[in-house]
Amino acid sequence: IEGKKLTFNVEARDAVDIISKGVHERFIINKEKFISKVNEKK
């Protein structure tokens, strides 16, 4: 966790080894403020 940013490091494995890996990032937002700004753009 870095401020409002959440970072997830993920990997998928089979019985032998890692078959895939990646990074997923999400941000914590103020829902009401976000919806208000979206509605302003309509």
N, C-alpha and C. Protein backbone atom coordinates (compact mmCIF):
# COMPACT_ATOMS: atom_id res chain seq x y z
N ILE A 1 0.85 -1.18 0.00
CA ILE A 1 0.00 0.00 0.00
C ILE A 1 0.89 1.23 0.00
N GLU A 2 0.61 2.11 -0.93
CA GLU A 2 1.38 3.34 -1.07
C GLU A 2 0.39 4.49 -1.19
N GLY A 3 0.09 5.16 -0.08
CA GLY A 3 -0.94 6.19 -0.12
C GLY A 3 -2.27 5.57 -0.46
N LYS A 4 -2.86 6.01 -1.58
CA LYS A 4 -4.15 5.46 -2.01
C LYS A 4 -3.99 4.36 -3.06
N LYS A 5 -2.76 3.99 -3.38
CA LYS A 5 -2.51 2.98 -4.40
C LYS A 5 -2.25 1.62 -3.76
N LEU A 6 -2.98 0.62 -4.24
CA LEU A 6 -2.78 -0.76 -3.80
C LEU A 6 -2.13 -1.52 -4.95
N THR A 7 -1.04 -2.21 -4.68
CA THR A 7 -0.34 -2.97 -5.70
C THR A 7 -0.34 -4.44 -5.32
N PHE A 8 -0.79 -5.28 -6.25
CA PHE A 8 -0.83 -6.72 -6.03
C PHE A 8 0.13 -7.38 -7.02
N ASN A 9 1.11 -8.10 -6.51
CA ASN A 9 1.99 -8.90 -7.35
C ASN A 9 1.43 -10.31 -7.34
N VAL A 10 1.11 -10.83 -8.51
CA VAL A 10 0.47 -12.15 -8.61
C VAL A 10 1.28 -13.07 -9.50
N GLU A 11 1.15 -14.36 -9.23
CA GLU A 11 1.76 -15.35 -10.10
C GLU A 11 0.91 -16.60 -10.12
N ALA A 12 0.92 -17.27 -11.27
CA ALA A 12 0.18 -18.52 -11.45
C ALA A 12 1.21 -19.63 -11.65
N ARG A 13 0.97 -20.75 -11.01
CA ARG A 13 1.90 -21.88 -11.08
C ARG A 13 1.18 -23.14 -11.53
N ASP A 14 1.91 -23.99 -12.23
CA ASP A 14 1.41 -25.33 -12.47
C ASP A 14 2.15 -26.24 -11.50
N ALA A 15 2.11 -27.52 -11.71
CA ALA A 15 2.76 -28.45 -10.78
C ALA A 15 4.28 -28.33 -10.80
N VAL A 16 4.85 -27.69 -11.82
CA VAL A 16 6.29 -27.65 -11.98
C VAL A 16 6.89 -26.27 -11.73
N ASP A 17 6.27 -25.23 -12.27
CA ASP A 17 6.93 -23.93 -12.28
C ASP A 17 5.92 -22.79 -12.35
N ILE A 18 6.43 -21.57 -12.33
CA ILE A 18 5.60 -20.39 -12.54
C ILE A 18 5.26 -20.33 -14.03
N ILE A 19 3.97 -20.20 -14.35
CA ILE A 19 3.56 -20.14 -15.76
C ILE A 19 3.16 -18.72 -16.18
N SER A 20 2.93 -17.86 -15.21
CA SER A 20 2.57 -16.47 -15.52
C SER A 20 2.74 -15.62 -14.28
N LYS A 21 3.05 -14.35 -14.47
CA LYS A 21 3.06 -13.43 -13.34
C LYS A 21 2.77 -12.03 -13.83
N GLY A 22 2.31 -11.19 -12.92
CA GLY A 22 1.97 -9.83 -13.31
C GLY A 22 1.73 -8.94 -12.10
N VAL A 23 1.41 -7.70 -12.38
CA VAL A 23 1.15 -6.71 -11.35
C VAL A 23 -0.23 -6.10 -11.62
N HIS A 24 -1.02 -5.97 -10.58
CA HIS A 24 -2.35 -5.37 -10.68
C HIS A 24 -2.40 -4.21 -9.70
N GLU A 25 -2.75 -3.01 -10.19
CA GLU A 25 -2.81 -1.83 -9.33
C GLU A 25 -4.24 -1.29 -9.28
N ARG A 26 -4.65 -0.88 -8.10
CA ARG A 26 -5.96 -0.27 -7.88
C ARG A 26 -5.76 0.97 -7.03
N PHE A 27 -6.69 1.91 -7.12
CA PHE A 27 -6.62 3.13 -6.32
C PHE A 27 -7.88 3.27 -5.48
N ILE A 28 -7.71 3.71 -4.25
CA ILE A 28 -8.83 3.99 -3.37
C ILE A 28 -9.32 5.40 -3.73
N ILE A 29 -10.62 5.52 -3.99
CA ILE A 29 -11.18 6.81 -4.38
C ILE A 29 -12.35 7.17 -3.47
N ASN A 30 -12.72 8.45 -3.50
CA ASN A 30 -13.92 8.91 -2.84
C ASN A 30 -15.06 8.73 -3.85
N LYS A 31 -15.93 7.77 -3.59
CA LYS A 31 -16.97 7.41 -4.55
C LYS A 31 -17.88 8.59 -4.90
N GLU A 32 -18.33 9.34 -3.89
CA GLU A 32 -19.23 10.46 -4.14
C GLU A 32 -18.57 11.52 -5.03
N LYS A 33 -17.32 11.84 -4.75
CA LYS A 33 -16.59 12.83 -5.54
C LYS A 33 -16.41 12.34 -6.98
N PHE A 34 -16.10 11.06 -7.14
CA PHE A 34 -15.92 10.48 -8.46
C PHE A 34 -17.21 10.55 -9.27
N ILE A 35 -18.32 10.12 -8.67
CA ILE A 35 -19.61 10.13 -9.36
C ILE A 35 -20.01 11.56 -9.73
N SER A 36 -19.74 12.51 -8.83
CA SER A 36 -20.05 13.90 -9.09
C SER A 36 -19.30 14.41 -10.33
N LYS A 37 -18.02 14.08 -10.42
CA LYS A 37 -17.22 14.53 -11.57
C LYS A 37 -17.67 13.84 -12.86
N VAL A 38 -18.06 12.58 -12.77
CA VAL A 38 -18.56 11.87 -13.95
C VAL A 38 -19.84 12.54 -14.44
N ASN A 39 -20.72 12.87 -13.51
CA ASN A 39 -21.99 13.51 -13.88
C ASN A 39 -21.79 14.89 -14.48
N GLU A 40 -20.74 15.60 -14.08
CA GLU A 40 -20.44 16.92 -14.65
C GLU A 40 -20.10 16.82 -16.14
N LYS A 41 -19.57 15.68 -16.56
CA LYS A 41 -19.14 15.50 -17.95
C LYS A 41 -20.28 15.11 -18.88
N LYS A 42 -21.44 14.82 -18.34
CA LYS A 42 -22.57 14.39 -19.17
C LYS A 42 -23.18 15.54 -19.92
